[in-house]
Amino acid sequence: MIVCAALLETQAQIPANFTASHVGEYATVEGVVAEIFTSKAGNTFFNIGAAYPNQTFTGYFSLVAINDI
């Protein structure tokens, strides 16, 4: 399981299948990562709930952000 916290200002923990009703909010999204994919540009995407195209939620890490760590 991967838990992504947005800017450490997290107010709520929500299951991945309820994210659509929380647009514009800071929240921790919880769920089982079904697939991880790194694009040719170096961005890493993770699909929660099921593999693409049936995922419940998709998150990503940009190559720029990864290089800044």
PDB file of N, CA and C in Angstrom:
ATOM      1  N   MET A   1       0.848  -1.172   0.000  1.00  0.00           N
ATOM      2  CA  MET A   1       0.000   0.000   0.000  1.00  0.00           C
ATOM      3  C   MET A   1       0.894   1.235   0.000  1.00  0.00           C
ATOM      4  N   ILE A   2       0.550   2.207  -0.807  1.00  0.00           N
ATOM      5  CA  ILE A   2       1.232   3.492  -0.817  1.00  0.00           C
ATOM      6  C   ILE A   2       0.256   4.527  -0.290  1.00  0.00           C
ATOM      7  N   VAL A   3       0.719   5.371   0.593  1.00  0.00           N
ATOM      8  CA  VAL A   3      -0.107   6.459   1.097  1.00  0.00           C
ATOM      9  C   VAL A   3       0.560   7.755   0.663  1.00  0.00           C
ATOM     10  N   CYS A   4      -0.147   8.593  -0.059  1.00  0.00           N
ATOM     11  CA  CYS A   4       0.387   9.861  -0.545  1.00  0.00           C
ATOM     12  C   CYS A   4      -0.247  10.999   0.229  1.00  0.00           C
ATOM     13  N   ALA A   5       0.561  11.773   0.889  1.00  0.00           N
ATOM     14  CA  ALA A   5       0.052  12.931   1.622  1.00  0.00           C
ATOM     15  C   ALA A   5       0.354  14.187   0.821  1.00  0.00           C
ATOM     16  N   ALA A   6      -0.615  15.039   0.660  1.00  0.00           N
ATOM     17  CA  ALA A   6      -0.456  16.261  -0.115  1.00  0.00           C
ATOM     18  C   ALA A   6       0.016  17.399   0.775  1.00  0.00           C
ATOM     19  N   LEU A   7       1.238  17.824   0.584  1.00  0.00           N
ATOM     20  CA  LEU A   7       1.796  19.000   1.248  1.00  0.00           C
ATOM     21  C   LEU A   7       1.731  18.974   2.781  1.00  0.00           C
ATOM     22  N   LEU A   8       1.624  17.790   3.345  1.00  0.00           N
ATOM     23  CA  LEU A   8       1.576  17.628   4.793  1.00  0.00           C
ATOM     24  C   LEU A   8       0.461  18.426   5.463  1.00  0.00           C
ATOM     25  N   GLU A   9      -0.518  18.863   4.689  1.00  0.00           N
ATOM     26  CA  GLU A   9      -1.663  19.591   5.223  1.00  0.00           C
ATOM     27  C   GLU A   9      -2.899  18.692   5.209  1.00  0.00           C
ATOM     28  N   THR A  10      -2.678  17.419   5.285  1.00  0.00           N
ATOM     29  CA  THR A  10      -3.751  16.452   5.143  1.00  0.00           C
ATOM     30  C   THR A  10      -4.809  16.617   6.225  1.00  0.00           C
ATOM     31  N   GLN A  11      -6.047  16.689   5.806  1.00  0.00           N
ATOM     32  CA  GLN A  11      -7.173  16.827   6.712  1.00  0.00           C
ATOM     33  C   GLN A  11      -7.962  15.527   6.817  1.00  0.00           C
ATOM     34  N   ALA A  12      -7.942  14.699   5.801  1.00  0.00           N
ATOM     35  CA  ALA A  12      -8.792  13.509   5.778  1.00  0.00           C
ATOM     36  C   ALA A  12      -8.049  12.341   5.149  1.00  0.00           C
ATOM     37  N   GLN A  13      -8.446  11.151   5.514  1.00  0.00           N
ATOM     38  CA  GLN A  13      -7.975   9.937   4.867  1.00  0.00           C
ATOM     39  C   GLN A  13      -9.171   9.337   4.144  1.00  0.00           C
ATOM     40  N   ILE A  14      -9.006   9.119   2.833  1.00  0.00           N
ATOM     41  CA  ILE A  14     -10.138   8.623   2.057  1.00  0.00           C
ATOM     42  C   ILE A  14      -9.716   7.436   1.199  1.00  0.00           C
ATOM     43  N   PRO A  15     -10.619   6.462   1.014  1.00  0.00           N
ATOM     44  CA  PRO A  15     -10.343   5.362   0.095  1.00  0.00           C
ATOM     45  C   PRO A  15     -10.286   5.895  -1.329  1.00  0.00           C
ATOM     46  N   ALA A  16      -9.491   5.252  -2.161  1.00  0.00           N
ATOM     47  CA  ALA A  16      -9.298   5.704  -3.540  1.00  0.00           C
ATOM     48  C   ALA A  16     -10.601   5.832  -4.311  1.00  0.00           C
ATOM     49  N   ASN A  17     -11.573   4.979  -4.046  1.00  0.00           N
ATOM     50  CA  ASN A  17     -12.825   5.026  -4.811  1.00  0.00           C
ATOM     51  C   ASN A  17     -13.730   6.198  -4.429  1.00  0.00           C
ATOM     52  N   PHE A  18     -13.348   7.009  -3.433  1.00  0.00           N
ATOM     53  CA  PHE A  18     -14.135   8.185  -3.060  1.00  0.00           C
ATOM     54  C   PHE A  18     -13.434   9.506  -3.418  1.00  0.00           C
ATOM     55  N   THR A  19     -12.344   9.447  -4.152  1.00  0.00           N
ATOM     56  CA  THR A  19     -11.578  10.661  -4.440  1.00  0.00           C
ATOM     57  C   THR A  19     -12.332  11.665  -5.303  1.00  0.00           C
ATOM     58  N   ALA A  20     -13.190  11.209  -6.179  1.00  0.00           N
ATOM     59  CA  ALA A  20     -13.915  12.127  -7.072  1.00  0.00           C
ATOM     60  C   ALA A  20     -14.775  13.119  -6.299  1.00  0.00           C
ATOM     61  N   SER A  21     -15.209  12.750  -5.117  1.00  0.00           N
ATOM     62  CA  SER A  21     -16.036  13.664  -4.333  1.00  0.00           C
ATOM     63  C   SER A  21     -15.208  14.560  -3.412  1.00  0.00           C
ATOM     64  N   HIS A  22     -13.879  14.535  -3.580  1.00  0.00           N
ATOM     65  CA  HIS A  22     -12.995  15.350  -2.738  1.00  0.00           C
ATOM     66  C   HIS A  22     -12.053  16.226  -3.566  1.00  0.00           C
ATOM     67  N   VAL A  23     -12.449  16.571  -4.777  1.00  0.00           N
ATOM     68  CA  VAL A  23     -11.623  17.404  -5.652  1.00  0.00           C
ATOM     69  C   VAL A  23     -11.405  18.761  -4.998  1.00  0.00           C
ATOM     70  N   GLY A  24     -10.160  19.233  -4.999  1.00  0.00           N
ATOM     71  CA  GLY A  24      -9.824  20.529  -4.417  1.00  0.00           C
ATOM     72  C   GLY A  24      -9.495  20.481  -2.943  1.00  0.00           C
ATOM     73  N   GLU A  25      -9.577  19.296  -2.338  1.00  0.00           N
ATOM     74  CA  GLU A  25      -9.268  19.141  -0.920  1.00  0.00           C
ATOM     75  C   GLU A  25      -7.893  18.489  -0.746  1.00  0.00           C
ATOM     76  N   TYR A  26      -7.258  18.734   0.388  1.00  0.00           N
ATOM     77  CA  TYR A  26      -6.048  18.013   0.753  1.00  0.00           C
ATOM     78  C   TYR A  26      -6.479  16.763   1.494  1.00  0.00           C
ATOM     79  N   ALA A  27      -5.969  15.614   1.075  1.00  0.00           N
ATOM     80  CA  ALA A  27      -6.360  14.360   1.706  1.00  0.00           C
ATOM     81  C   ALA A  27      -5.290  13.305   1.476  1.00  0.00           C
ATOM     82  N   THR A  28      -5.295  12.299   2.303  1.00  0.00           N
ATOM     83  CA  THR A  28      -4.468  11.119   2.113  1.00  0.00           C
ATOM     84  C   THR A  28      -5.326  10.084   1.412  1.00  0.00           C
ATOM     85  N   VAL A  29      -4.844   9.605   0.271  1.00  0.00           N
ATOM     86  CA  VAL A  29      -5.570   8.601  -0.496  1.00  0.00           C
ATOM     87  C   VAL A  29      -4.987   7.237  -0.153  1.00  0.00           C
ATOM     88  N   GLU A  30      -5.861   6.322   0.218  1.00  0.00           N
ATOM     89  CA  GLU A  30      -5.419   4.992   0.609  1.00  0.00           C
ATOM     90  C   GLU A  30      -5.976   3.943  -0.337  1.00  0.00           C
ATOM     91  N   GLY A  31      -5.140   2.951  -0.637  1.00  0.00           N
ATOM     92  CA  GLY A  31      -5.583   1.843  -1.468  1.00  0.00           C
ATOM     93  C   GLY A  31      -4.423   0.967  -1.856  1.00  0.00           C
ATOM     94  N   VAL A  32      -4.732  -0.132  -2.495  1.00  0.00           N
ATOM     95  CA  VAL A  32      -3.723  -1.090  -2.932  1.00  0.00           C
ATOM     96  C   VAL A  32      -3.223  -0.695  -4.318  1.00  0.00           C
ATOM     97  N   VAL A  33      -1.920  -0.593  -4.453  1.00  0.00           N
ATOM     98  CA  VAL A  33      -1.323  -0.256  -5.748  1.00  0.00           C
ATOM     99  C   VAL A  33      -1.342  -1.500  -6.626  1.00  0.00           C
ATOM    100  N   ALA A  34      -2.033  -1.394  -7.752  1.00  0.00           N
ATOM    101  CA  ALA A  34      -2.183  -2.522  -8.665  1.00  0.00           C
ATOM    102  C   ALA A  34      -1.141  -2.509  -9.771  1.00  0.00           C
ATOM    103  N   GLU A  35      -0.597  -1.329 -10.089  1.00  0.00           N
ATOM    104  CA  GLU A  35       0.323  -1.223 -11.219  1.00  0.00           C
ATOM    105  C   GLU A  35       1.171   0.029 -11.069  1.00  0.00           C
ATOM    106  N   ILE A  36       2.440  -0.098 -11.436  1.00  0.00           N
ATOM    107  CA  ILE A  36       3.346   1.052 -11.467  1.00  0.00           C
ATOM    108  C   ILE A  36       3.971   1.092 -12.848  1.00  0.00           C
ATOM    109  N   PHE A  37       4.012   2.293 -13.434  1.00  0.00           N
ATOM    110  CA  PHE A  37       4.535   2.463 -14.799  1.00  0.00           C
ATOM    111  C   PHE A  37       5.415   3.701 -14.842  1.00  0.00           C
ATOM    112  N   THR A  38       6.583   3.581 -15.442  1.00  0.00           N
ATOM    113  CA  THR A  38       7.457   4.733 -15.643  1.00  0.00           C
ATOM    114  C   THR A  38       7.482   5.071 -17.134  1.00  0.00           C
ATOM    115  N   SER A  39       7.117   6.309 -17.466  1.00  0.00           N
ATOM    116  CA  SER A  39       7.046   6.738 -18.863  1.00  0.00           C
ATOM    117  C   SER A  39       8.442   6.962 -19.437  1.00  0.00           C
ATOM    118  N   LYS A  40       8.507   7.125 -20.758  1.00  0.00           N
ATOM    119  CA  LYS A  40       9.792   7.419 -21.415  1.00  0.00           C
ATOM    120  C   LYS A  40      10.378   8.723 -20.920  1.00  0.00           C
ATOM    121  N   ALA A  41       9.517   9.647 -20.476  1.00  0.00           N
ATOM    122  CA  ALA A  41       9.975  10.936 -19.955  1.00  0.00           C
ATOM    123  C   ALA A  41      10.492  10.824 -18.521  1.00  0.00           C
ATOM    124  N   GLY A  42      10.308   9.647 -17.903  1.00  0.00           N
ATOM    125  CA  GLY A  42      10.817   9.437 -16.561  1.00  0.00           C
ATOM    126  C   GLY A  42       9.808   9.680 -15.450  1.00  0.00           C
ATOM    127  N   ASN A  43       8.566  10.011 -15.795  1.00  0.00           N
ATOM    128  CA  ASN A  43       7.524  10.194 -14.782  1.00  0.00           C
ATOM    129  C   ASN A  43       6.984   8.824 -14.369  1.00  0.00           C
ATOM    130  N   THR A  44       6.754   8.627 -13.074  1.00  0.00           N
ATOM    131  CA  THR A  44       6.275   7.346 -12.575  1.00  0.00           C
ATOM    132  C   THR A  44       4.820   7.485 -12.155  1.00  0.00           C
ATOM    133  N   PHE A  45       3.973   6.630 -12.715  1.00  0.00           N
ATOM    134  CA  PHE A  45       2.547   6.622 -12.438  1.00  0.00           C
ATOM    135  C   PHE A  45       2.217   5.373 -11.633  1.00  0.00           C
ATOM    136  N   PHE A  46       1.300   5.499 -10.677  1.00  0.00           N
ATOM    137  CA  PHE A  46       0.839   4.319  -9.954  1.00  0.00           C
ATOM    138  C   PHE A  46      -0.683   4.292  -9.974  1.00  0.00           C
ATOM    139  N   ASN A  47      -1.214   3.125 -10.308  1.00  0.00           N
ATOM    140  CA  ASN A  47      -2.665   2.935 -10.391  1.00  0.00           C
ATOM    141  C   ASN A  47      -3.124   2.171  -9.162  1.00  0.00           C
ATOM    142  N   ILE A  48      -4.143   2.698  -8.503  1.00  0.00           N
ATOM    143  CA  ILE A  48      -4.692   2.089  -7.303  1.00  0.00           C
ATOM    144  C   ILE A  48      -6.040   1.448  -7.640  1.00  0.00           C
ATOM    145  N   GLY A  49      -6.260   0.269  -7.105  1.00  0.00           N
ATOM    146  CA  GLY A  49      -7.545  -0.422  -7.273  1.00  0.00           C
ATOM    147  C   GLY A  49      -7.519  -1.474  -8.356  1.00  0.00           C
ATOM    148  N   ALA A  50      -6.943  -1.157  -9.497  1.00  0.00           N
ATOM    149  CA  ALA A  50      -6.835  -2.094 -10.619  1.00  0.00           C
ATOM    150  C   ALA A  50      -5.826  -1.518 -11.610  1.00  0.00           C
ATOM    151  N   ALA A  51      -5.371  -2.346 -12.513  1.00  0.00           N
ATOM    152  CA  ALA A  51      -4.452  -1.892 -13.553  1.00  0.00           C
ATOM    153  C   ALA A  51      -5.196  -1.026 -14.571  1.00  0.00           C
ATOM    154  N   TYR A  52      -4.446  -0.151 -15.278  1.00  0.00           N
ATOM    155  CA  TYR A  52      -5.001   0.694 -16.334  1.00  0.00           C
ATOM    156  C   TYR A  52      -5.665  -0.194 -17.371  1.00  0.00           C
ATOM    157  N   PRO A  53      -6.811   0.127 -17.859  1.00  0.00           N
ATOM    158  CA  PRO A  53      -7.601   1.351 -17.748  1.00  0.00           C
ATOM    159  C   PRO A  53      -8.721   1.270 -16.710  1.00  0.00           C
ATOM    160  N   ASN A  54      -8.674   0.310 -15.821  1.00  0.00           N
ATOM    161  CA  ASN A  54      -9.762   0.107 -14.859  1.00  0.00           C
ATOM    162  C   ASN A  54      -9.425   0.591 -13.451  1.00  0.00           C
ATOM    163  N   GLN A  55      -8.417   1.425 -13.319  1.00  0.00           N
ATOM    164  CA  GLN A  55      -7.991   1.911 -12.012  1.00  0.00           C
ATOM    165  C   GLN A  55      -9.036   2.820 -11.378  1.00  0.00           C
ATOM    166  N   THR A  56      -8.998   2.867 -10.049  1.00  0.00           N
ATOM    167  CA  THR A  56      -9.872   3.762  -9.297  1.00  0.00           C
ATOM    168  C   THR A  56      -9.231   5.131  -9.162  1.00  0.00           C
ATOM    169  N   PHE A  57      -7.910   5.156  -9.035  1.00  0.00           N
ATOM    170  CA  PHE A  57      -7.166   6.392  -8.805  1.00  0.00           C
ATOM    171  C   PHE A  57      -5.789   6.239  -9.428  1.00  0.00           C
ATOM    172  N   THR A  58      -5.274   7.304 -10.030  1.00  0.00           N
ATOM    173  CA  THR A  58      -3.912   7.320 -10.555  1.00  0.00           C
ATOM    174  C   THR A  58      -3.160   8.469  -9.929  1.00  0.00           C
ATOM    175  N   GLY A  59      -1.994   8.188  -9.420  1.00  0.00           N
ATOM    176  CA  GLY A  59      -1.104   9.216  -8.898  1.00  0.00           C
ATOM    177  C   GLY A  59       0.187   9.175  -9.687  1.00  0.00           C
ATOM    178  N   TYR A  60       1.011  10.204  -9.544  1.00  0.00           N
ATOM    179  CA  TYR A  60       2.280  10.168 -10.248  1.00  0.00           C
ATOM    180  C   TYR A  60       3.345  10.956  -9.491  1.00  0.00           C
ATOM    181  N   PHE A  61       4.578  10.585  -9.783  1.00  0.00           N
ATOM    182  CA  PHE A  61       5.745  11.311  -9.301  1.00  0.00           C
ATOM    183  C   PHE A  61       6.446  11.835 -10.548  1.00  0.00           C
ATOM    184  N   SER A  62       6.643  13.133 -10.638  1.00  0.00           N
ATOM    185  CA  SER A  62       7.323  13.684 -11.808  1.00  0.00           C
ATOM    186  C   SER A  62       8.820  13.484 -11.677  1.00  0.00           C
ATOM    187  N   LEU A  63       9.486  13.350 -12.790  1.00  0.00           N
ATOM    188  CA  LEU A  63      10.930  13.171 -12.796  1.00  0.00           C
ATOM    189  C   LEU A  63      11.612  14.341 -12.104  1.00  0.00           C
ATOM    190  N   VAL A  64      11.106  15.550 -12.297  1.00  0.00           N
ATOM    191  CA  VAL A  64      11.683  16.740 -11.656  1.00  0.00           C
ATOM    192  C   VAL A  64      11.609  16.623 -10.145  1.00  0.00           C
ATOM    193  N   ALA A  65      10.462  16.218  -9.619  1.00  0.00           N
ATOM    194  CA  ALA A  65      10.296  16.071  -8.174  1.00  0.00           C
ATOM    195  C   ALA A  65      11.194  14.966  -7.616  1.00  0.00           C
ATOM    196  N   ILE A  66      11.316  13.877  -8.345  1.00  0.00           N
ATOM    197  CA  ILE A  66      12.157  12.759  -7.904  1.00  0.00           C
ATOM    198  C   ILE A  66      13.612  13.199  -7.850  1.00  0.00           C
ATOM    199  N   ASN A  67      14.049  13.981  -8.839  1.00  0.00           N
ATOM    200  CA  ASN A  67      15.432  14.438  -8.871  1.00  0.00           C
ATOM    201  C   ASN A  67      15.731  15.448  -7.778  1.00  0.00           C
ATOM    202  N   ASP A  68      14.704  16.131  -7.262  1.00  0.00           N
ATOM    203  CA  ASP A  68      14.897  17.117  -6.215  1.00  0.00           C
ATOM    204  C   ASP A  68      15.005  16.501  -4.824  1.00  0.00           C
ATOM    205  N   ILE A  69      14.733  15.213  -4.716  1.00  0.00           N
ATOM    206  CA  ILE A  69      14.773  14.560  -3.398  1.00  0.00           C
ATOM    207  C   ILE A  69      16.199  14.299  -2.976  1.00  0.00           C
TER     208      ILE A  69
END
